[in-house]
PDB file of N, CA and C in Angstrom:
ATOM      1  N   MET A   1      -7.758 -19.553  24.058  1.00  0.00           N
ATOM      2  CA  MET A   1      -7.368 -19.783  22.679  1.00  0.00           C
ATOM      3  C   MET A   1      -6.347 -20.932  22.651  1.00  0.00           C
ATOM      4  N   ASP A   2      -6.421 -21.740  21.641  1.00  0.00           N
ATOM      5  CA  ASP A   2      -5.542 -22.894  21.477  1.00  0.00           C
ATOM      6  C   ASP A   2      -4.104 -22.439  21.212  1.00  0.00           C
ATOM      7  N   ILE A   3      -3.127 -23.193  21.754  1.00  0.00           N
ATOM      8  CA  ILE A   3      -1.707 -22.854  21.582  1.00  0.00           C
ATOM      9  C   ILE A   3      -1.324 -22.814  20.110  1.00  0.00           C
ATOM     10  N   GLN A   4      -1.814 -23.781  19.315  1.00  0.00           N
ATOM     11  CA  GLN A   4      -1.486 -23.813  17.893  1.00  0.00           C
ATOM     12  C   GLN A   4      -2.018 -22.571  17.181  1.00  0.00           C
ATOM     13  N   LYS A   5      -3.215 -22.129  17.528  1.00  0.00           N
ATOM     14  CA  LYS A   5      -3.786 -20.926  16.912  1.00  0.00           C
ATOM     15  C   LYS A   5      -2.965 -19.693  17.261  1.00  0.00           C
ATOM     16  N   ILE A   6      -2.485 -19.621  18.490  1.00  0.00           N
ATOM     17  CA  ILE A   6      -1.651 -18.484  18.901  1.00  0.00           C
ATOM     18  C   ILE A   6      -0.356 -18.484  18.108  1.00  0.00           C
ATOM     19  N   ASP A   7       0.288 -19.678  17.988  1.00  0.00           N
ATOM     20  CA  ASP A   7       1.541 -19.780  17.237  1.00  0.00           C
ATOM     21  C   ASP A   7       1.339 -19.386  15.784  1.00  0.00           C
ATOM     22  N   LEU A   8       0.256 -19.866  15.163  1.00  0.00           N
ATOM     23  CA  LEU A   8      -0.016 -19.538  13.767  1.00  0.00           C
ATOM     24  C   LEU A   8      -0.291 -18.049  13.612  1.00  0.00           C
ATOM     25  N   SER A   9      -1.012 -17.473  14.561  1.00  0.00           N
ATOM     26  CA  SER A   9      -1.307 -16.049  14.510  1.00  0.00           C
ATOM     27  C   SER A   9      -0.032 -15.216  14.613  1.00  0.00           C
ATOM     28  N   LEU A  10       0.872 -15.621  15.506  1.00  0.00           N
ATOM     29  CA  LEU A  10       2.137 -14.898  15.640  1.00  0.00           C
ATOM     30  C   LEU A  10       2.976 -15.032  14.379  1.00  0.00           C
ATOM     31  N   LYS A  11       3.025 -16.242  13.805  1.00  0.00           N
ATOM     32  CA  LYS A  11       3.792 -16.440  12.583  1.00  0.00           C
ATOM     33  C   LYS A  11       3.188 -15.609  11.451  1.00  0.00           C
ATOM     34  N   GLU A  12       1.858 -15.579  11.366  1.00  0.00           N
ATOM     35  CA  GLU A  12       1.189 -14.789  10.332  1.00  0.00           C
ATOM     36  C   GLU A  12       1.540 -13.313  10.483  1.00  0.00           C
ATOM     37  N   GLN A  13       1.518 -12.803  11.693  1.00  0.00           N
ATOM     38  CA  GLN A  13       1.858 -11.400  11.917  1.00  0.00           C
ATOM     39  C   GLN A  13       3.301 -11.111  11.521  1.00  0.00           C
ATOM     40  N   GLU A  14       4.208 -12.009  11.867  1.00  0.00           N
ATOM     41  CA  GLU A  14       5.614 -11.822  11.515  1.00  0.00           C
ATOM     42  C   GLU A  14       5.814 -11.832  10.003  1.00  0.00           C
ATOM     43  N   MET A  15       5.175 -12.796   9.333  1.00  0.00           N
ATOM     44  CA  MET A  15       5.342 -12.911   7.889  1.00  0.00           C
ATOM     45  C   MET A  15       4.700 -11.722   7.176  1.00  0.00           C
ATOM     46  N   PHE A  16       3.537 -11.302   7.634  1.00  0.00           N
ATOM     47  CA  PHE A  16       2.881 -10.143   7.026  1.00  0.00           C
ATOM     48  C   PHE A  16       3.740  -8.894   7.196  1.00  0.00           C
ATOM     49  N   ALA A  17       4.398  -8.784   8.346  1.00  0.00           N
ATOM     50  CA  ALA A  17       5.292  -7.640   8.564  1.00  0.00           C
ATOM     51  C   ALA A  17       6.472  -7.686   7.594  1.00  0.00           C
ATOM     52  N   LEU A  18       6.999  -8.886   7.339  1.00  0.00           N
ATOM     53  CA  LEU A  18       8.094  -9.026   6.378  1.00  0.00           C
ATOM     54  C   LEU A  18       7.643  -8.666   4.967  1.00  0.00           C
ATOM     55  N   ILE A  19       6.448  -9.124   4.585  1.00  0.00           N
ATOM     56  CA  ILE A  19       5.927  -8.815   3.238  1.00  0.00           C
ATOM     57  C   ILE A  19       5.759  -7.308   3.091  1.00  0.00           C
ATOM     58  N   ALA A  20       5.181  -6.668   4.093  1.00  0.00           N
ATOM     59  CA  ALA A  20       4.995  -5.213   4.047  1.00  0.00           C
ATOM     60  C   ALA A  20       6.342  -4.498   3.988  1.00  0.00           C
ATOM     61  N   GLU A  21       7.324  -4.998   4.726  1.00  0.00           N
ATOM     62  CA  GLU A  21       8.665  -4.406   4.701  1.00  0.00           C
ATOM     63  C   GLU A  21       9.260  -4.501   3.297  1.00  0.00           C
ATOM     64  N   HIS A  22       9.128  -5.665   2.667  1.00  0.00           N
ATOM     65  CA  HIS A  22       9.688  -5.844   1.325  1.00  0.00           C
ATOM     66  C   HIS A  22       9.037  -4.906   0.323  1.00  0.00           C
ATOM     67  N   GLU A  23       7.732  -4.702   0.444  1.00  0.00           N
ATOM     68  CA  GLU A  23       7.023  -3.864  -0.521  1.00  0.00           C
ATOM     69  C   GLU A  23       7.439  -2.402  -0.437  1.00  0.00           C
ATOM     70  N   THR A  24       8.022  -2.005   0.671  1.00  0.00           N
ATOM     71  CA  THR A  24       8.455  -0.614   0.796  1.00  0.00           C
ATOM     72  C   THR A  24       9.932  -0.410   0.520  1.00  0.00           C
ATOM     73  N   ASP A  25      10.735  -1.492   0.524  1.00  0.00           N
ATOM     74  CA  ASP A  25      12.180  -1.294   0.389  1.00  0.00           C
ATOM     75  C   ASP A  25      12.696  -1.314  -1.043  1.00  0.00           C
ATOM     76  N   GLY A  26      11.919  -1.825  -2.002  1.00  0.00           N
ATOM     77  CA  GLY A  26      12.323  -1.793  -3.401  1.00  0.00           C
ATOM     78  C   GLY A  26      13.383  -2.816  -3.784  1.00  0.00           C
ATOM     79  N   MET A  27      13.686  -3.749  -2.907  1.00  0.00           N
ATOM     80  CA  MET A  27      14.684  -4.772  -3.158  1.00  0.00           C
ATOM     81  C   MET A  27      14.052  -5.917  -3.964  1.00  0.00           C
ATOM     82  N   THR A  28      14.874  -6.660  -4.707  1.00  0.00           N
ATOM     83  CA  THR A  28      14.340  -7.821  -5.417  1.00  0.00           C
ATOM     84  C   THR A  28      13.941  -8.888  -4.405  1.00  0.00           C
ATOM     85  N   VAL A  29      13.003  -9.756  -4.809  1.00  0.00           N
ATOM     86  CA  VAL A  29      12.547 -10.819  -3.918  1.00  0.00           C
ATOM     87  C   VAL A  29      13.718 -11.739  -3.561  1.00  0.00           C
ATOM     88  N   ARG A  30      14.527 -12.070  -4.549  1.00  0.00           N
ATOM     89  CA  ARG A  30      15.664 -12.968  -4.303  1.00  0.00           C
ATOM     90  C   ARG A  30      16.604 -12.384  -3.243  1.00  0.00           C
ATOM     91  N   LYS A  31      16.977 -11.128  -3.403  1.00  0.00           N
ATOM     92  CA  LYS A  31      17.899 -10.489  -2.455  1.00  0.00           C
ATOM     93  C   LYS A  31      17.262 -10.386  -1.072  1.00  0.00           C
ATOM     94  N   PHE A  32      15.983 -10.013  -1.022  1.00  0.00           N
ATOM     95  CA  PHE A  32      15.274  -9.886   0.243  1.00  0.00           C
ATOM     96  C   PHE A  32      15.249 -11.234   0.975  1.00  0.00           C
ATOM     97  N   CYS A  33      14.939 -12.302   0.238  1.00  0.00           N
ATOM     98  CA  CYS A  33      14.883 -13.632   0.839  1.00  0.00           C
ATOM     99  C   CYS A  33      16.251 -14.080   1.338  1.00  0.00           C
ATOM    100  N   GLU A  34      17.297 -13.747   0.599  1.00  0.00           N
ATOM    101  CA  GLU A  34      18.649 -14.081   1.055  1.00  0.00           C
ATOM    102  C   GLU A  34      18.967 -13.369   2.373  1.00  0.00           C
ATOM    103  N   LEU A  35      18.616 -12.087   2.457  1.00  0.00           N
ATOM    104  CA  LEU A  35      18.892 -11.318   3.677  1.00  0.00           C
ATOM    105  C   LEU A  35      18.100 -11.828   4.877  1.00  0.00           C
ATOM    106  N   LYS A  36      16.893 -12.301   4.628  1.00  0.00           N
ATOM    107  CA  LYS A  36      16.020 -12.762   5.716  1.00  0.00           C
ATOM    108  C   LYS A  36      16.107 -14.273   5.941  1.00  0.00           C
ATOM    109  N   CYS A  37      17.007 -14.948   5.195  1.00  0.00           N
ATOM    110  CA  CYS A  37      17.180 -16.406   5.303  1.00  0.00           C
ATOM    111  C   CYS A  37      15.850 -17.131   5.099  1.00  0.00           C
ATOM    112  N   MET A  38      15.198 -16.813   3.995  1.00  0.00           N
ATOM    113  CA  MET A  38      13.883 -17.349   3.696  1.00  0.00           C
ATOM    114  C   MET A  38      13.890 -17.910   2.274  1.00  0.00           C
ATOM    115  N   ARG A  39      13.167 -18.984   2.053  1.00  0.00           N
ATOM    116  CA  ARG A  39      13.031 -19.523   0.709  1.00  0.00           C
ATOM    117  C   ARG A  39      12.073 -18.633  -0.085  1.00  0.00           C
ATOM    118  N   GLU A  40      12.331 -18.486  -1.384  1.00  0.00           N
ATOM    119  CA  GLU A  40      11.453 -17.671  -2.226  1.00  0.00           C
ATOM    120  C   GLU A  40      10.043 -18.246  -2.272  1.00  0.00           C
ATOM    121  N   ALA A  41       9.922 -19.570  -2.283  1.00  0.00           N
ATOM    122  CA  ALA A  41       8.591 -20.198  -2.300  1.00  0.00           C
ATOM    123  C   ALA A  41       7.797 -19.812  -1.051  1.00  0.00           C
ATOM    124  N   THR A  42       8.480 -19.753   0.085  1.00  0.00           N
ATOM    125  CA  THR A  42       7.821 -19.340   1.336  1.00  0.00           C
ATOM    126  C   THR A  42       7.381 -17.887   1.234  1.00  0.00           C
ATOM    127  N   TYR A  43       8.237 -17.056   0.682  1.00  0.00           N
ATOM    128  CA  TYR A  43       7.883 -15.645   0.502  1.00  0.00           C
ATOM    129  C   TYR A  43       6.618 -15.524  -0.339  1.00  0.00           C
ATOM    130  N   TYR A  44       6.583 -16.195  -1.480  1.00  0.00           N
ATOM    131  CA  TYR A  44       5.419 -16.066  -2.374  1.00  0.00           C
ATOM    132  C   TYR A  44       4.147 -16.643  -1.748  1.00  0.00           C
ATOM    133  N   TYR A  45       4.277 -17.707  -0.958  1.00  0.00           N
ATOM    134  CA  TYR A  45       3.129 -18.267  -0.252  1.00  0.00           C
ATOM    135  C   TYR A  45       2.517 -17.216   0.675  1.00  0.00           C
ATOM    136  N   TRP A  46       3.372 -16.593   1.490  1.00  0.00           N
ATOM    137  CA  TRP A  46       2.887 -15.590   2.433  1.00  0.00           C
ATOM    138  C   TRP A  46       2.484 -14.299   1.730  1.00  0.00           C
ATOM    139  N   HIS A  47       3.114 -13.966   0.640  1.00  0.00           N
ATOM    140  CA  HIS A  47       2.742 -12.786  -0.154  1.00  0.00           C
ATOM    141  C   HIS A  47       1.301 -12.912  -0.627  1.00  0.00           C
ATOM    142  N   LYS A  48       0.944 -14.088  -1.130  1.00  0.00           N
ATOM    143  CA  LYS A  48      -0.430 -14.315  -1.595  1.00  0.00           C
ATOM    144  C   LYS A  48      -1.408 -14.209  -0.428  1.00  0.00           C
ATOM    145  N   LYS A  49      -1.082 -14.867   0.710  1.00  0.00           N
ATOM    146  CA  LYS A  49      -1.962 -14.808   1.880  1.00  0.00           C
ATOM    147  C   LYS A  49      -2.130 -13.363   2.370  1.00  0.00           C
ATOM    148  N   TYR A  50      -1.059 -12.590   2.331  1.00  0.00           N
ATOM    149  CA  TYR A  50      -1.085 -11.195   2.773  1.00  0.00           C
ATOM    150  C   TYR A  50      -2.063 -10.385   1.938  1.00  0.00           C
ATOM    151  N   HIS A  51      -1.977 -10.531   0.623  1.00  0.00           N
ATOM    152  CA  HIS A  51      -2.849  -9.742  -0.241  1.00  0.00           C
ATOM    153  C   HIS A  51      -4.295 -10.217  -0.206  1.00  0.00           C
ATOM    154  N   VAL A  52      -4.521 -11.508  -0.048  1.00  0.00           N
ATOM    155  CA  VAL A  52      -5.882 -12.013   0.122  1.00  0.00           C
ATOM    156  C   VAL A  52      -6.481 -11.455   1.413  1.00  0.00           C
ATOM    157  N   SER A  53      -5.675 -11.457   2.464  1.00  0.00           N
ATOM    158  CA  SER A  53      -6.128 -10.928   3.757  1.00  0.00           C
ATOM    159  C   SER A  53      -6.437  -9.433   3.665  1.00  0.00           C
ATOM    160  N   ARG A  54      -5.582  -8.673   2.963  1.00  0.00           N
ATOM    161  CA  ARG A  54      -5.816  -7.227   2.811  1.00  0.00           C
ATOM    162  C   ARG A  54      -7.098  -6.955   2.039  1.00  0.00           C
ATOM    163  N   ARG A  55      -7.323  -7.713   0.946  1.00  0.00           N
ATOM    164  CA  ARG A  55      -8.550  -7.520   0.165  1.00  0.00           C
ATOM    165  C   ARG A  55      -9.772  -7.830   1.005  1.00  0.00           C
ATOM    166  N   ARG A  56      -9.696  -8.906   1.801  1.00  0.00           N
ATOM    167  CA  ARG A  56     -10.819  -9.288   2.648  1.00  0.00           C
ATOM    168  C   ARG A  56     -11.106  -8.198   3.682  1.00  0.00           C
ATOM    169  N   SER A  57     -10.071  -7.667   4.300  1.00  0.00           N
ATOM    170  CA  SER A  57     -10.280  -6.629   5.314  1.00  0.00           C
ATOM    171  C   SER A  57     -10.803  -5.336   4.681  1.00  0.00           C
ATOM    172  N   LEU A  58     -10.377  -5.029   3.447  1.00  0.00           N
ATOM    173  CA  LEU A  58     -10.904  -3.842   2.763  1.00  0.00           C
ATOM    174  C   LEU A  58     -12.387  -4.000   2.455  1.00  0.00           C
ATOM    175  N   ARG A  59     -12.774  -5.208   2.022  1.00  0.00           N
ATOM    176  CA  ARG A  59     -14.199  -5.447   1.737  1.00  0.00           C
ATOM    177  C   ARG A  59     -15.022  -5.309   3.002  1.00  0.00           C
ATOM    178  N   GLN A  60     -14.521  -5.841   4.125  1.00  0.00           N
ATOM    179  CA  GLN A  60     -15.256  -5.783   5.380  1.00  0.00           C
ATOM    180  C   GLN A  60     -15.335  -4.364   5.931  1.00  0.00           C
ATOM    181  N   SER A  61     -14.338  -3.549   5.638  1.00  0.00           N
ATOM    182  CA  SER A  61     -14.325  -2.193   6.174  1.00  0.00           C
ATOM    183  C   SER A  61     -15.030  -1.195   5.259  1.00  0.00           C
ATOM    184  N   GLY A  62     -15.568  -1.676   4.160  1.00  0.00           N
ATOM    185  CA  GLY A  62     -16.310  -0.779   3.289  1.00  0.00           C
ATOM    186  C   GLY A  62     -15.544  -0.357   2.057  1.00  0.00           C
ATOM    187  N   GLY A  63     -14.442  -1.005   1.759  1.00  0.00           N
ATOM    188  CA  GLY A  63     -13.726  -0.702   0.532  1.00  0.00           C
ATOM    189  C   GLY A  63     -12.412  -0.003   0.788  1.00  0.00           C
ATOM    190  N   GLY A  64     -11.710   0.249  -0.297  1.00  0.00           N
ATOM    191  CA  GLY A  64     -10.410   0.866  -0.201  1.00  0.00           C
ATOM    192  C   GLY A  64     -10.425   2.345  -0.501  1.00  0.00           C
ATOM    193  N   PHE A  65     -11.532   2.985  -0.242  1.00  0.00           N
ATOM    194  CA  PHE A  65     -11.632   4.403  -0.541  1.00  0.00           C
ATOM    195  C   PHE A  65     -11.240   5.233   0.662  1.00  0.00           C
ATOM    196  N   SER A  66     -10.677   6.367   0.414  1.00  0.00           N
ATOM    197  CA  SER A  66     -10.308   7.296   1.472  1.00  0.00           C
ATOM    198  C   SER A  66     -11.139   8.564   1.328  1.00  0.00           C
ATOM    199  N   MET A  67     -11.467   9.168   2.452  1.00  0.00           N
ATOM    200  CA  MET A  67     -12.219  10.400   2.433  1.00  0.00           C
ATOM    201  C   MET A  67     -11.290  11.540   2.051  1.00  0.00           C
ATOM    202  N   LEU A  68     -11.682  12.311   1.077  1.00  0.00           N
ATOM    203  CA  LEU A  68     -10.897  13.464   0.648  1.00  0.00           C
ATOM    204  C   LEU A  68     -11.588  14.734   1.111  1.00  0.00           C
ATOM    205  N   GLN A  69     -10.796  15.703   1.495  1.00  0.00           N
ATOM    206  CA  GLN A  69     -11.352  17.009   1.824  1.00  0.00           C
ATOM    207  C   GLN A  69     -11.154  17.894   0.605  1.00  0.00           C
ATOM    208  N   VAL A  70     -12.246  18.352   0.054  1.00  0.00           N
ATOM    209  CA  VAL A  70     -12.192  19.180  -1.148  1.00  0.00           C
ATOM    210  C   VAL A  70     -12.277  20.636  -0.725  1.00  0.00           C
ATOM    211  N   LYS A  71     -11.343  21.426  -1.204  1.00  0.00           N
ATOM    212  CA  LYS A  71     -11.333  22.848  -0.903  1.00  0.00           C
ATOM    213  C   LYS A  71     -11.887  23.613  -2.095  1.00  0.00           C
ATOM    214  N   GLU A  72     -12.487  24.701  -1.808  1.00  0.00           N
ATOM    215  CA  GLU A  72     -12.979  25.563  -2.880  1.00  0.00           C
ATOM    216  C   GLU A  72     -11.791  26.101  -3.663  1.00  0.00           C
ATOM    217  N   GLU A  73     -12.000  26.372  -4.920  1.00  0.00           N
ATOM    218  CA  GLU A  73     -10.926  26.850  -5.781  1.00  0.00           C
ATOM    219  C   GLU A  73     -10.307  28.133  -5.242  1.00  0.00           C
ATOM    220  N   ARG A  74     -11.101  28.961  -4.632  1.00  0.00           N
ATOM    221  CA  ARG A  74     -10.561  30.223  -4.123  1.00  0.00           C
ATOM    222  C   ARG A  74      -9.661  30.001  -2.908  1.00  0.00           C
ATOM    223  N   ASP A  75      -9.787  28.817  -2.241  1.00  0.00           N
ATOM    224  CA  ASP A  75      -8.963  28.518  -1.081  1.00  0.00           C
ATOM    225  C   ASP A  75      -7.606  27.931  -1.466  1.00  0.00           C
ATOM    226  N   LEU A  76      -7.451  27.519  -2.703  1.00  0.00           N
ATOM    227  CA  LEU A  76      -6.204  26.906  -3.137  1.00  0.00           C
ATOM    228  C   LEU A  76      -5.123  27.956  -3.340  1.00  0.00           C
ATOM    229  N   GLU A  77      -3.925  27.608  -2.931  1.00  0.00           N
ATOM    230  CA  GLU A  77      -2.793  28.475  -3.204  1.00  0.00           C
ATOM    231  C   GLU A  77      -2.077  27.903  -4.415  1.00  0.00           C
ATOM    232  N   ILE A  78      -2.220  28.542  -5.535  1.00  0.00           N
ATOM    233  CA  ILE A  78      -1.624  28.070  -6.768  1.00  0.00           C
ATOM    234  C   ILE A  78      -0.417  28.944  -7.063  1.00  0.00           C
ATOM    235  N   THR A  79       0.738  28.301  -7.063  1.00  0.00           N
ATOM    236  CA  THR A  79       1.957  29.090  -7.228  1.00  0.00           C
ATOM    237  C   THR A  79       2.168  29.527  -8.666  1.00  0.00           C
ATOM    238  N   SER A  80       1.983  28.614  -9.608  1.00  0.00           N
ATOM    239  CA  SER A  80       2.260  28.982 -10.994  1.00  0.00           C
ATOM    240  C   SER A  80       1.060  29.632 -11.667  1.00  0.00           C
ATOM    241  N   GLY A  81      -0.141  29.281 -11.217  1.00  0.00           N
ATOM    242  CA  GLY A  81      -1.343  29.844 -11.815  1.00  0.00           C
ATOM    243  C   GLY A  81      -1.720  29.205 -13.132  1.00  0.00           C
ATOM    244  N   GLN A  82      -0.915  28.257 -13.619  1.00  0.00           N
ATOM    245  CA  GLN A  82      -1.195  27.638 -14.894  1.00  0.00           C
ATOM    246  C   GLN A  82      -1.589  26.181 -14.663  1.00  0.00           C
ATOM    247  N   LEU A  83      -2.707  25.769 -15.229  1.00  0.00           N
ATOM    248  CA  LEU A  83      -3.218  24.421 -15.087  1.00  0.00           C
ATOM    249  C   LEU A  83      -2.404  23.473 -15.959  1.00  0.00           C
ATOM    250  N   LEU A  84      -1.863  22.411 -15.345  1.00  0.00           N
ATOM    251  CA  LEU A  84      -1.075  21.425 -16.080  1.00  0.00           C
ATOM    252  C   LEU A  84      -1.980  20.342 -16.660  1.00  0.00           C
ATOM    253  N   ALA A  85      -2.895  19.801 -15.835  1.00  0.00           N
ATOM    254  CA  ALA A  85      -3.787  18.738 -16.291  1.00  0.00           C
ATOM    255  C   ALA A  85      -5.038  18.718 -15.429  1.00  0.00           C
ATOM    256  N   GLU A  86      -6.120  18.226 -16.016  1.00  0.00           N
ATOM    257  CA  GLU A  86      -7.367  18.057 -15.275  1.00  0.00           C
ATOM    258  C   GLU A  86      -8.047  16.808 -15.784  1.00  0.00           C
ATOM    259  N   TYR A  87      -8.524  15.973 -14.848  1.00  0.00           N
ATOM    260  CA  TYR A  87      -9.227  14.763 -15.230  1.00  0.00           C
ATOM    261  C   TYR A  87     -10.321  14.514 -14.215  1.00  0.00           C
ATOM    262  N   LYS A  88     -11.556  14.491 -14.665  1.00  0.00           N
ATOM    263  CA  LYS A  88     -12.723  14.238 -13.820  1.00  0.00           C
ATOM    264  C   LYS A  88     -12.734  15.141 -12.585  1.00  0.00           C
ATOM    265  N   GLY A  89     -12.436  16.375 -12.771  1.00  0.00           N
ATOM    266  CA  GLY A  89     -12.503  17.344 -11.687  1.00  0.00           C
ATOM    267  C   GLY A  89     -11.246  17.467 -10.840  1.00  0.00           C
ATOM    268  N   VAL A  90     -10.260  16.618 -11.058  1.00  0.00           N
ATOM    269  CA  VAL A  90      -8.999  16.703 -10.316  1.00  0.00           C
ATOM    270  C   VAL A  90      -8.035  17.544 -11.137  1.00  0.00           C
ATOM    271  N   ARG A  91      -7.532  18.610 -10.524  1.00  0.00           N
ATOM    272  CA  ARG A  91      -6.647  19.532 -11.234  1.00  0.00           C
ATOM    273  C   ARG A  91      -5.226  19.442 -10.701  1.00  0.00           C
ATOM    274  N   PHE A  92      -4.278  19.450 -11.621  1.00  0.00           N
ATOM    275  CA  PHE A  92      -2.864  19.445 -11.269  1.00  0.00           C
ATOM    276  C   PHE A  92      -2.245  20.713 -11.821  1.00  0.00           C
ATOM    277  N   TYR A  93      -1.608  21.457 -10.941  1.00  0.00           N
ATOM    278  CA  TYR A  93      -0.962  22.699 -11.345  1.00  0.00           C
ATOM    279  C   TYR A  93       0.549  22.522 -11.482  1.00  0.00           C
ATOM    280  N   ARG A  94       1.026  21.359 -11.057  1.00  0.00           N
ATOM    281  CA  ARG A  94       2.424  21.001 -11.273  1.00  0.00           C
ATOM    282  C   ARG A  94       2.487  19.479 -11.372  1.00  0.00           C
ATOM    283  N   GLU A  95       3.580  18.952 -11.869  1.00  0.00           N
ATOM    284  CA  GLU A  95       3.717  17.521 -12.059  1.00  0.00           C
ATOM    285  C   GLU A  95       3.775  16.815 -10.709  1.00  0.00           C
ATOM    286  N   PRO A  96       2.864  15.860 -10.449  1.00  0.00           N
ATOM    287  CA  PRO A  96       2.870  15.161  -9.157  1.00  0.00           C
ATOM    288  C   PRO A  96       3.982  14.123  -9.101  1.00  0.00           C
ATOM    289  N   SER A  97       4.405  13.808  -7.888  1.00  0.00           N
ATOM    290  CA  SER A  97       5.443  12.787  -7.705  1.00  0.00           C
ATOM    291  C   SER A  97       4.833  11.396  -7.887  1.00  0.00           C
ATOM    292  N   VAL A  98       5.678  10.437  -8.143  1.00  0.00           N
ATOM    293  CA  VAL A  98       5.230   9.056  -8.313  1.00  0.00           C
ATOM    294  C   VAL A  98       4.614   8.551  -7.006  1.00  0.00           C
ATOM    295  N   GLN A  99       5.204   8.897  -5.861  1.00  0.00           N
ATOM    296  CA  GLN A  99       4.683   8.468  -4.569  1.00  0.00           C
ATOM    297  C   GLN A  99       3.267   9.008  -4.354  1.00  0.00           C
ATOM    298  N   PHE A 100       3.021  10.246  -4.767  1.00  0.00           N
ATOM    299  CA  PHE A 100       1.702  10.837  -4.630  1.00  0.00           C
ATOM    300  C   PHE A 100       0.683  10.071  -5.472  1.00  0.00           C
ATOM    301  N   LEU A 101       1.047   9.740  -6.711  1.00  0.00           N
ATOM    302  CA  LEU A 101       0.131   9.001  -7.570  1.00  0.00           C
ATOM    303  C   LEU A 101      -0.134   7.597  -7.036  1.00  0.00           C
ATOM    304  N   LYS A 102       0.889   6.940  -6.477  1.00  0.00           N
ATOM    305  CA  LYS A 102       0.695   5.636  -5.881  1.00  0.00           C
ATOM    306  C   LYS A 102      -0.250   5.724  -4.689  1.00  0.00           C
ATOM    307  N   ALA A 103      -0.103   6.769  -3.889  1.00  0.00           N
ATOM    308  CA  ALA A 103      -0.974   6.954  -2.724  1.00  0.00           C
ATOM    309  C   ALA A 103      -2.417   7.186  -3.163  1.00  0.00           C
ATOM    310  N   LEU A 104      -2.631   7.878  -4.248  1.00  0.00           N
ATOM    311  CA  LEU A 104      -3.980   8.083  -4.771  1.00  0.00           C
ATOM    312  C   LEU A 104      -4.608   6.773  -5.202  1.00  0.00           C
ATOM    313  N   MET A 105      -3.805   5.877  -5.742  1.00  0.00           N
ATOM    314  CA  MET A 105      -4.308   4.623  -6.266  1.00  0.00           C
ATOM    315  C   MET A 105      -4.527   3.576  -5.171  1.00  0.00           C
ATOM    316  N   SER A 106      -3.874   3.733  -4.012  1.00  0.00           N
ATOM    317  CA  SER A 106      -4.029   2.714  -2.966  1.00  0.00           C
ATOM    318  C   SER A 106      -5.127   3.056  -2.000  1.00  0.00           C
TER     319      SER A 106
END
């Protein structure tokens, strides 16, 4: 493999790791860039490349769907016994957390 390709690959991995780190820490882009000594324009350049790369890998792997294991209703342990919401067969017996809803959407 060419030296330039190796260097670019390493830089891409480092930048993608930084983008992923920022997306989980909840910090503003400006503050994150200040802490990492990075220009905001550089951040946004790599942010776009990161998401394009993720979409491409999802398409190649068959999409962004996850396999769910569905349990029979009789197997569920329902603490309150009262249905809070149901949509297209998905039942909620208590209010879900924001993190749970984000995980469902990703």
